[in-house]
Structure formats: C-alpha cells, structure tokens
Amino acid sequence: MPRRREGPIKNVQTGYYVFDSYVGLGPDRQRVRFSLHTKDAGRAQFLFEQEWKRVWAEYYGLKNPRAQAPVTLDEIIPEFVAYERDIKRAKTWKTFEGRLKVISDILGKVRLQDIGRQQLTAIDRALREEKGVTHYTVNHYFGLLKTLFYYAIAQEKHPGPNPVKQVKPYVVDRKRRSYSAEEIKKVLEAAGRVEKEARAREDITPYTKRFILLLLYSGMRFSEGLNLRWSNIQGDRIVLERTETKQRREKVVPITAGIKAVLGTLPKGRPEDFVFPIRRKGHRFYAQWVLKRIRKLSGVKDFEFHGLRHTAATIMVSEAQGRGVGLADIMKVLGHSRMETTMRYLHEDEARMRKAVEIVEEKFADKKKG
C-alpha cells in the first residue's frame, strides 16, 4: 500500500484546504498538490479520499476510475433511498422516493453521467409548467437530486463533479409578508391576551406583546430581540456588536418613545443579563406555541415573527423615504450590507409609479401661456 499524508492540508492564509500527497513509488515518486476548493474540514476529507483514489488510478493507467460502471437514474434511486432510510434514518424517505420518481418520469431512462444542464433545465420546466410546483418546492427537488449525486460520487458510480451544484436555487421569501394596520391591531390584541393568560414561568408567553412591539418598532430579527442584553442599551441607542448580528456588522437602532416604553416595563437586570428574562433552553418550543396561539386568536393564519421585521422595513422604505429619511439610514437600522436587500421591501405601487412619471413630465412639459 503506497504511503500518503494523513489528510488534506489547510492553507492558513486563505482558509481553503489543499490536496497534498505523493503518487508513484521509487524514483517515479511525485508530489501532487492542488486546491480542494472548500473551507469545510469534513468536506475536505471526503474530497481528499476521492482524489487520492483518482490520482493513483490514473498513475496505473485507469482513466476516470469512478466512471467504470455507469448506472441509470432508475438503478441508483432505490439504493439511495435505502441508504437514507436505513443508514441516515431519514423519516422523510418516502417523500424522497416519491420526488425522485417524479424526476425519473420526466427524464425517462437516462444514465446518471449523461445528466447535464439540458436535462436539469427540462426537470425545472416540467416541475413548474406541467406539475404546477412552486419555486420553494422546486428548490427541494434539486436539493434532493444534488444529495443523490453526492451519494453516487461517494459510491464511485459517478465520475463527478456534481452537475446539480451549478443550479442556482430560486429566491423565495415564504415568511416575508408585511401586515396591514388592521392585522397588526388584531395580532397585538391576541398577544395581550396571551400575556394575561400566561402562567408564572420563565418562557416567552408573559412577554409576548412587549416582544412583538419591540420587533415591530425596531425592525430587529427574532434572534436579535431574544438575545438582547441590557449592555446593548447605550444611552438613546440599541447597539448590537458584530458578533450579535446576522451580517457580522455593527447595528444601531435609535430608541424611540415606543421602544423606551417597552423597555421600561421589563425588569431591569445587570448589563450581562438578557432584556427578556426567559430561559434559553426550550424557547423555540414556546415561541412556536405562541405563534399558533396568536394565529388562532387573531385570525392572521400566516403570522410569523419575521413578518414584523418585514412590516417595519416596508414602512421605512415605502413611507419614510422622502420625509427626511435616506436609504442609507434605513440600511443602517435594518443591518443590511447591500442596497438590493433593502430595496426588496419597496413594493410596487401604481400611485407612486404614476407620480414618478408625472414629476418628469412636469419638469419638461411646455407651459401654456395665459
């Protein structure tokens, strides 16, 4: 058995892992080194093992060793589903089987290594136009197909690389909907009722309405509000450090009268204490319970905590602009690093569109002399 290094080598400057091993024996021994194009240690180890087999197979004159036994899509599906069911213990293996069967019906009998861009485009078109599948579910189909290809590569039944890796998923904002003033009123009434009915325990229920008001007034994310500490309250601002935000950028939210009123009703603790004094263990369970309860009491069936951020952002972008508020100010409050992200909250409005055209027309139209 030829000697080799113990695994992929990490480039300390770039963070990427590098294949670094030797191929050949005696005087023909050569060092082989190339990038594995990943920063993940587990993925790098997997790629190292695959590439090590490949370079040694090529050394002995076997080109593309992993493509020696081509299989069809129909042949690999039962094997992959069995692996998910028996080895990975996936509870949704029946869903996997059904969706892969749909893909197989679309493509017909095709070899796995013959599936490329043309076949993937056909799958996308058939799912959307013939099956009526939503963009969100199409993403799931392709995610499942990508996993199947990775399995086939690991089993040396596909030469690689994974063709589905090049497919860009659809951008889907399932939980991003701004609520109307009437819906917010109903939600707050329901949240107030949840607070009144709450038992004396350390979960989110005794603070439901105040938590919702904080997210609505500030536009903060659920995790940012939940993990807010008294040390983040600095004078008349809420300052979140880089390590406390999704974008890893400092975020500043001015404390308005509404936010101040909410904070004033909460028990003040030490600087390192959380603003909402609840147990972090099990908070997701209670949060889901609160969501279901509010949906039932308010009648807003699709209510989500993230919808409060979307509502605040939509109002800021659609109504605050032009009233002394700039887009850069809104980006800072919301914690966005790209303007395109903020502009997604500017929904089309025919009245505003007409006004924009009329302003240009008024600027250059000939004025009739009286």
Protein backbone atom coordinates (compact mmCIF):
# COMPACT_ATOMS: atom_id res chain seq x y z
CA MET A 1 0.00 0.00 0.00
CA PRO A 2 1.58 3.33 -1.02
CA ARG A 3 2.30 5.81 1.74
CA ARG A 4 0.47 9.13 1.79
CA ARG A 5 -0.08 12.11 4.03
CA GLU A 6 -2.74 11.92 6.72
CA GLY A 7 -5.28 14.15 5.01
CA PRO A 8 -5.92 17.48 3.37
CA ILE A 9 -3.72 20.43 4.33
CA LYS A 10 -5.32 23.74 5.32
CA ASN A 11 -3.92 26.91 3.76
CA VAL A 12 -3.66 29.22 6.77
CA GLN A 13 -3.75 32.32 4.55
CA THR A 14 -6.90 31.58 2.56
CA GLY A 15 -8.64 29.06 4.82
CA TYR A 16 -9.11 26.64 1.92
CA TYR A 17 -7.95 23.02 2.07
CA VAL A 18 -5.37 21.63 -0.33
CA PHE A 19 -4.81 18.10 -1.61
CA ASP A 20 -1.19 17.31 -0.78
CA SER A 21 0.07 13.77 -1.28
CA TYR A 22 2.55 11.64 -3.22
CA VAL A 23 1.91 9.33 -6.15
CA GLY A 24 4.26 6.74 -7.53
CA LEU A 25 6.94 4.53 -5.99
CA GLY A 26 10.71 4.56 -6.08
CA PRO A 27 12.33 7.07 -8.43
CA ASP A 28 8.97 7.89 -10.05
CA ARG A 29 7.52 9.22 -6.79
CA GLN A 30 5.92 12.62 -7.39
CA ARG A 31 4.29 15.17 -5.15
CA VAL A 32 0.71 16.16 -6.13
CA ARG A 33 -0.78 19.35 -4.76
CA PHE A 34 -3.94 21.25 -5.77
CA SER A 35 -6.83 23.11 -4.16
CA LEU A 36 -9.93 21.25 -2.98
CA HIS A 37 -11.99 24.47 -3.18
CA THR A 38 -13.57 24.09 0.26
CA LYS A 39 -13.12 25.52 3.77
CA ASP A 40 -15.09 22.74 5.45
CA ALA A 41 -12.88 20.14 7.14
CA GLY A 42 -15.32 17.26 6.71
CA ARG A 43 -15.94 18.03 3.05
CA ALA A 44 -12.18 18.39 2.51
CA GLN A 45 -11.53 14.94 3.97
CA PHE A 46 -14.17 13.42 1.69
CA LEU A 47 -12.71 15.13 -1.38
CA PHE A 48 -9.19 14.12 -0.38
CA GLU A 49 -10.15 10.44 -0.26
CA GLN A 50 -11.87 10.67 -3.65
CA GLU A 51 -8.99 12.50 -5.33
CA TRP A 52 -6.38 10.20 -3.79
CA LYS A 53 -8.13 7.21 -5.39
CA ARG A 54 -8.33 9.07 -8.68
CA VAL A 55 -4.68 10.11 -8.93
CA TRP A 56 -3.47 6.62 -8.04
CA ALA A 57 -5.86 5.03 -10.55
CA GLU A 58 -4.55 7.37 -13.25
CA TYR A 59 -0.98 6.51 -12.23
CA TYR A 60 -1.75 2.86 -13.01
CA GLY A 61 -3.35 3.82 -16.31
CA LEU A 62 -7.05 3.78 -15.34
CA LYS A 63 -8.65 6.98 -16.61
CA ASN A 64 -11.76 8.22 -14.80
CA PRO A 65 -11.89 5.19 -12.46
CA ARG A 66 -15.16 6.28 -10.87
CA ALA A 67 -16.95 6.12 -14.22
CA GLN A 68 -16.08 2.49 -14.98
CA ALA A 69 -19.55 1.17 -14.09
CA PRO A 70 -22.19 3.61 -15.39
CA VAL A 71 -25.62 3.26 -13.83
CA THR A 72 -29.01 4.70 -14.72
CA LEU A 73 -31.03 7.04 -12.58
CA ASP A 74 -33.64 4.32 -12.03
CA GLU A 75 -30.95 1.97 -10.70
CA ILE A 76 -29.43 4.40 -8.20
CA ILE A 77 -32.73 5.69 -6.73
CA PRO A 78 -33.67 2.52 -4.73
CA GLU A 79 -30.12 2.23 -3.42
CA PHE A 80 -30.03 5.90 -2.37
CA VAL A 81 -33.46 5.76 -0.71
CA ALA A 82 -32.44 2.63 1.22
CA TYR A 83 -29.30 4.44 2.39
CA GLU A 84 -31.35 7.42 3.61
CA ARG A 85 -33.85 5.14 5.33
CA ASP A 86 -31.56 2.55 6.94
CA ILE A 87 -28.26 4.39 7.47
CA LYS A 88 -29.19 8.04 7.95
CA ARG A 89 -32.58 7.21 9.49
CA ALA A 90 -34.36 9.87 7.44
CA LYS A 91 -38.02 10.00 8.42
CA THR A 92 -38.93 11.61 5.10
CA TRP A 93 -37.52 8.83 2.94
CA LYS A 94 -40.93 8.18 1.39
CA THR A 95 -41.05 11.80 0.24
CA PHE A 96 -37.56 11.37 -1.21
CA GLU A 97 -38.65 8.27 -3.07
CA GLY A 98 -41.75 9.95 -4.49
CA ARG A 99 -39.94 13.06 -5.68
CA LEU A 100 -37.10 11.12 -7.26
CA LYS A 101 -39.70 9.01 -9.05
CA VAL A 102 -41.18 12.22 -10.48
CA ILE A 103 -37.73 13.27 -11.73
CA SER A 104 -37.18 9.84 -13.22
CA ASP A 105 -40.51 10.01 -15.07
CA ILE A 106 -39.54 13.39 -16.51
CA LEU A 107 -36.14 12.24 -17.80
CA GLY A 108 -37.03 8.69 -18.73
CA LYS A 109 -34.33 6.03 -18.78
CA VAL A 110 -31.09 8.00 -18.65
CA ARG A 111 -27.60 7.22 -17.44
CA LEU A 112 -26.53 9.16 -14.38
CA GLN A 113 -23.39 10.51 -16.04
CA ASP A 114 -25.44 11.79 -19.02
CA ILE A 115 -27.47 14.18 -16.86
CA GLY A 116 -26.30 17.72 -17.55
CA ARG A 117 -27.59 21.24 -17.99
CA GLN A 118 -30.13 20.29 -20.66
CA GLN A 119 -31.70 17.56 -18.51
CA LEU A 120 -31.73 19.78 -15.41
CA THR A 121 -33.46 22.55 -17.38
CA ALA A 122 -36.07 20.03 -18.53
CA ILE A 123 -36.70 19.00 -14.92
CA ASP A 124 -37.12 22.63 -13.87
CA ARG A 125 -39.54 23.42 -16.70
CA ALA A 126 -41.61 20.26 -16.20
CA LEU A 127 -41.95 20.80 -12.45
CA ARG A 128 -43.12 24.40 -12.84
CA GLU A 129 -45.21 24.27 -16.00
CA GLU A 130 -46.58 20.71 -16.07
CA LYS A 131 -46.69 19.76 -12.39
CA GLY A 132 -47.51 23.24 -11.07
CA VAL A 133 -44.81 23.03 -8.40
CA THR A 134 -43.89 26.24 -6.54
CA HIS A 135 -40.38 27.69 -6.64
CA TYR A 136 -39.91 26.73 -3.00
CA THR A 137 -40.65 23.06 -3.72
CA VAL A 138 -38.54 23.11 -6.91
CA ASN A 139 -35.59 24.07 -4.70
CA HIS A 140 -36.31 20.99 -2.57
CA TYR A 141 -36.38 18.73 -5.65
CA PHE A 142 -32.98 19.96 -6.81
CA GLY A 143 -31.55 19.81 -3.30
CA LEU A 144 -32.57 16.16 -3.10
CA LEU A 145 -31.13 15.44 -6.54
CA LYS A 146 -27.85 17.10 -5.52
CA THR A 147 -27.64 14.82 -2.47
CA LEU A 148 -28.24 11.78 -4.67
CA PHE A 149 -25.34 12.78 -6.94
CA TYR A 150 -23.03 13.24 -3.95
CA TYR A 151 -24.01 9.74 -2.82
CA ALA A 152 -23.30 8.34 -6.30
CA ILE A 153 -19.89 10.04 -6.36
CA ALA A 154 -19.04 8.63 -2.93
CA GLN A 155 -20.01 5.16 -4.14
CA GLU A 156 -17.83 5.62 -7.25
CA LYS A 157 -20.82 5.36 -9.56
CA HIS A 158 -20.41 8.85 -10.99
CA PRO A 159 -17.12 10.49 -12.06
CA GLY A 160 -18.03 13.91 -10.68
CA PRO A 161 -18.29 16.80 -10.34
CA ASN A 162 -21.87 17.14 -9.14
CA PRO A 163 -23.87 18.70 -12.04
CA VAL A 164 -26.66 19.98 -9.77
CA LYS A 165 -24.16 22.11 -7.89
CA GLN A 166 -24.29 24.63 -10.74
CA VAL A 167 -28.07 25.12 -10.44
CA LYS A 168 -28.93 28.32 -8.60
CA PRO A 169 -31.98 27.97 -6.33
CA TYR A 170 -34.95 30.29 -6.71
CA VAL A 171 -35.09 33.20 -4.28
CA VAL A 172 -38.16 32.51 -2.16
CA ASP A 173 -39.45 34.74 0.64
CA ARG A 174 -42.06 32.43 2.12
CA LYS A 175 -42.33 34.14 5.51
CA ARG A 176 -41.82 37.70 4.33
CA ARG A 177 -45.13 39.45 4.14
CA SER A 178 -45.94 42.84 5.54
CA TYR A 179 -49.09 43.04 7.63
CA SER A 180 -51.77 45.69 7.33
CA ALA A 181 -52.60 48.07 10.18
CA GLU A 182 -55.77 46.08 10.87
CA GLU A 183 -53.82 42.79 11.03
CA ILE A 184 -51.24 44.31 13.39
CA LYS A 185 -54.06 45.53 15.64
CA LYS A 186 -55.52 42.01 15.81
CA VAL A 187 -52.10 40.48 16.47
CA LEU A 188 -51.41 42.90 19.34
CA GLU A 189 -54.81 42.20 20.87
CA ALA A 190 -54.11 38.47 20.68
CA ALA A 191 -50.61 38.95 22.14
CA GLY A 192 -52.07 40.95 25.02
CA ARG A 193 -54.45 38.12 25.75
CA VAL A 194 -51.58 35.61 25.69
CA GLU A 195 -49.73 37.73 28.27
CA LYS A 196 -52.75 37.88 30.56
CA GLU A 197 -53.30 34.13 30.36
CA ALA A 198 -49.60 33.34 30.91
CA ARG A 199 -48.60 31.34 33.93
CA ALA A 200 -45.78 32.31 36.27
CA ARG A 201 -42.96 30.67 34.36
CA GLU A 202 -39.80 31.77 32.60
CA ASP A 203 -40.80 31.36 28.97
CA ILE A 204 -41.76 33.86 26.30
CA THR A 205 -45.51 33.90 27.00
CA PRO A 206 -45.50 36.54 29.83
CA TYR A 207 -43.70 38.97 27.48
CA THR A 208 -45.44 38.20 24.20
CA LYS A 209 -46.98 41.61 23.45
CA ARG A 210 -43.91 43.57 24.53
CA PHE A 211 -41.64 41.31 22.50
CA ILE A 212 -43.80 41.80 19.41
CA LEU A 213 -43.86 45.59 19.91
CA LEU A 214 -40.06 45.69 20.19
CA LEU A 215 -39.61 43.74 16.93
CA LEU A 216 -42.23 45.89 15.18
CA TYR A 217 -40.84 49.26 16.32
CA SER A 218 -37.15 48.38 15.79
CA GLY A 219 -37.23 46.04 12.79
CA MET A 220 -34.91 43.65 14.62
CA ARG A 221 -34.74 39.97 13.82
CA PHE A 222 -36.28 37.41 16.19
CA SER A 223 -32.87 36.22 17.42
CA GLU A 224 -31.62 39.79 17.92
CA GLY A 225 -34.60 40.68 20.09
CA LEU A 226 -34.48 37.43 22.03
CA ASN A 227 -30.74 37.75 22.77
CA LEU A 228 -30.81 41.48 23.52
CA ARG A 229 -28.89 42.36 26.69
CA TRP A 230 -29.02 45.43 28.89
CA SER A 231 -25.42 46.14 27.91
CA ASN A 232 -26.71 46.73 24.34
CA ILE A 233 -28.78 49.68 25.63
CA GLN A 234 -26.33 52.56 25.34
CA GLY A 235 -27.95 55.89 26.07
CA ASP A 236 -30.62 56.56 23.47
CA ARG A 237 -29.47 53.74 21.16
CA ILE A 238 -29.52 49.96 20.90
CA VAL A 239 -26.07 48.89 19.72
CA LEU A 240 -25.54 45.32 18.56
CA GLU A 241 -21.94 44.22 18.11
CA ARG A 242 -20.64 42.43 15.02
CA THR A 243 -20.85 39.05 16.77
CA GLU A 244 -24.53 39.61 17.61
CA THR A 245 -25.89 40.23 14.10
CA LYS A 246 -26.50 38.02 11.08
CA GLN A 247 -24.37 40.14 8.73
CA ARG A 248 -21.47 40.38 11.21
CA ARG A 249 -21.71 44.18 11.10
CA GLU A 250 -22.41 46.59 13.94
CA LYS A 251 -26.07 47.55 14.05
CA VAL A 252 -27.53 50.68 15.67
CA VAL A 253 -31.22 51.23 16.38
CA PRO A 254 -32.31 54.58 17.88
CA ILE A 255 -34.51 54.22 20.97
CA THR A 256 -37.79 55.97 20.22
CA ALA A 257 -40.60 56.72 22.66
CA GLY A 258 -42.32 53.44 21.79
CA ILE A 259 -39.19 51.33 22.30
CA LYS A 260 -38.42 53.18 25.54
CA ALA A 261 -41.91 52.45 26.83
CA VAL A 262 -41.48 48.73 26.09
CA LEU A 263 -38.08 48.58 27.80
CA GLY A 264 -39.46 50.46 30.80
CA THR A 265 -41.95 47.66 31.53
CA LEU A 266 -39.27 44.96 31.69
CA PRO A 267 -37.37 44.06 34.87
CA LYS A 268 -34.00 45.80 34.76
CA GLY A 269 -31.10 43.46 35.38
CA ARG A 270 -27.32 43.54 35.25
CA PRO A 271 -25.62 44.61 31.99
CA GLU A 272 -24.86 40.99 31.06
CA ASP A 273 -28.46 39.90 31.69
CA PHE A 274 -30.97 39.44 28.89
CA VAL A 275 -33.62 42.14 28.42
CA PHE A 276 -36.26 39.41 28.23
CA PRO A 277 -35.53 37.24 31.33
CA ILE A 278 -36.51 33.87 29.91
CA ARG A 279 -34.82 30.50 29.83
CA ARG A 280 -32.96 29.94 26.57
CA LYS A 281 -33.50 26.18 26.77
CA GLY A 282 -36.79 25.28 25.14
CA HIS A 283 -37.53 28.83 23.93
CA ARG A 284 -38.20 27.62 20.39
CA PHE A 285 -40.94 25.31 21.62
CA TYR A 286 -42.65 28.15 23.48
CA ALA A 287 -42.18 30.51 20.54
CA GLN A 288 -43.94 28.05 18.25
CA TRP A 289 -46.74 27.67 20.79
CA VAL A 290 -47.13 31.46 20.92
CA LEU A 291 -47.28 31.65 17.10
CA LYS A 292 -50.04 29.06 16.93
CA ARG A 293 -51.97 30.79 19.71
CA ILE A 294 -51.75 34.23 18.08
CA ARG A 295 -52.78 32.82 14.69
CA LYS A 296 -55.85 31.27 16.28
CA LEU A 297 -56.88 34.33 18.33
CA SER A 298 -56.13 36.98 15.69
CA GLY A 299 -57.23 35.16 12.54
CA VAL A 300 -53.93 36.05 10.83
CA LYS A 301 -53.19 32.48 9.76
CA ASP A 302 -49.70 33.14 8.36
CA PHE A 303 -48.37 35.29 11.20
CA GLU A 304 -44.61 34.96 11.72
CA PHE A 305 -42.22 36.88 13.95
CA HIS A 306 -40.12 37.71 10.88
CA GLY A 307 -43.21 39.30 9.32
CA LEU A 308 -42.92 42.07 11.93
CA ARG A 309 -39.46 42.93 10.62
CA HIS A 310 -40.79 42.87 7.08
CA THR A 311 -43.66 45.16 8.07
CA ALA A 312 -41.32 47.64 9.74
CA ALA A 313 -38.89 47.55 6.80
CA THR A 314 -41.68 48.02 4.24
CA ILE A 315 -43.00 51.10 6.06
CA MET A 316 -39.49 52.55 6.42
CA VAL A 317 -38.66 52.11 2.74
CA SER A 318 -42.08 52.92 1.26
CA GLU A 319 -43.21 55.76 3.52
CA ALA A 320 -40.26 57.14 5.47
CA GLN A 321 -38.23 57.92 2.34
CA GLY A 322 -38.89 61.44 1.17
CA ARG A 323 -39.67 62.60 4.71
CA GLY A 324 -36.10 63.40 5.65
CA VAL A 325 -35.02 59.74 5.79
CA GLY A 326 -32.40 58.40 3.39
CA LEU A 327 -31.93 54.86 2.15
CA ALA A 328 -28.54 54.67 3.88
CA ASP A 329 -30.21 55.43 7.22
CA ILE A 330 -32.73 52.63 6.72
CA MET A 331 -29.97 50.19 5.72
CA LYS A 332 -28.13 51.00 8.95
CA VAL A 333 -31.19 50.43 11.12
CA LEU A 334 -32.08 47.14 9.42
CA GLY A 335 -28.46 45.96 9.37
CA HIS A 336 -28.30 45.38 5.62
CA SER A 337 -24.94 45.36 3.86
CA ARG A 338 -26.37 45.60 0.32
CA MET A 339 -28.79 48.13 -1.11
CA GLU A 340 -30.52 45.42 -3.14
CA THR A 341 -31.62 43.72 0.08
CA THR A 342 -33.23 46.90 1.38
CA MET A 343 -34.89 47.69 -1.94
CA ARG A 344 -36.73 44.36 -1.86
CA TYR A 345 -39.04 45.96 0.70
CA LEU A 346 -40.07 48.67 -1.75
CA HIS A 347 -43.19 47.07 -3.16
CA GLU A 348 -44.72 48.32 -6.38
CA ASP A 349 -47.41 50.94 -6.00
CA GLU A 350 -49.22 52.28 -9.05
CA ALA A 351 -49.91 55.67 -7.43
CA ARG A 352 -46.23 56.20 -6.66
CA MET A 353 -45.24 54.98 -10.13
CA ARG A 354 -47.67 57.44 -11.72
CA LYS A 355 -46.37 60.26 -9.53
CA ALA A 356 -42.79 59.48 -10.60
CA VAL A 357 -43.74 59.78 -14.28
CA GLU A 358 -45.77 62.96 -13.70
CA ILE A 359 -42.83 64.66 -11.97
CA VAL A 360 -40.64 64.09 -15.04
CA GLU A 361 -43.44 65.29 -17.30
CA GLU A 362 -43.97 68.47 -15.27
CA LYS A 363 -40.25 69.21 -15.47
CA PHE A 364 -40.08 69.28 -19.26
CA ALA A 365 -43.65 69.82 -20.49
CA ASP A 366 -44.34 73.12 -22.26
CA LYS A 367 -46.29 75.56 -20.10
CA LYS A 368 -49.19 77.25 -21.82
CA LYS A 369 -49.15 80.98 -21.73
CA GLY A 370 -52.24 82.53 -20.19
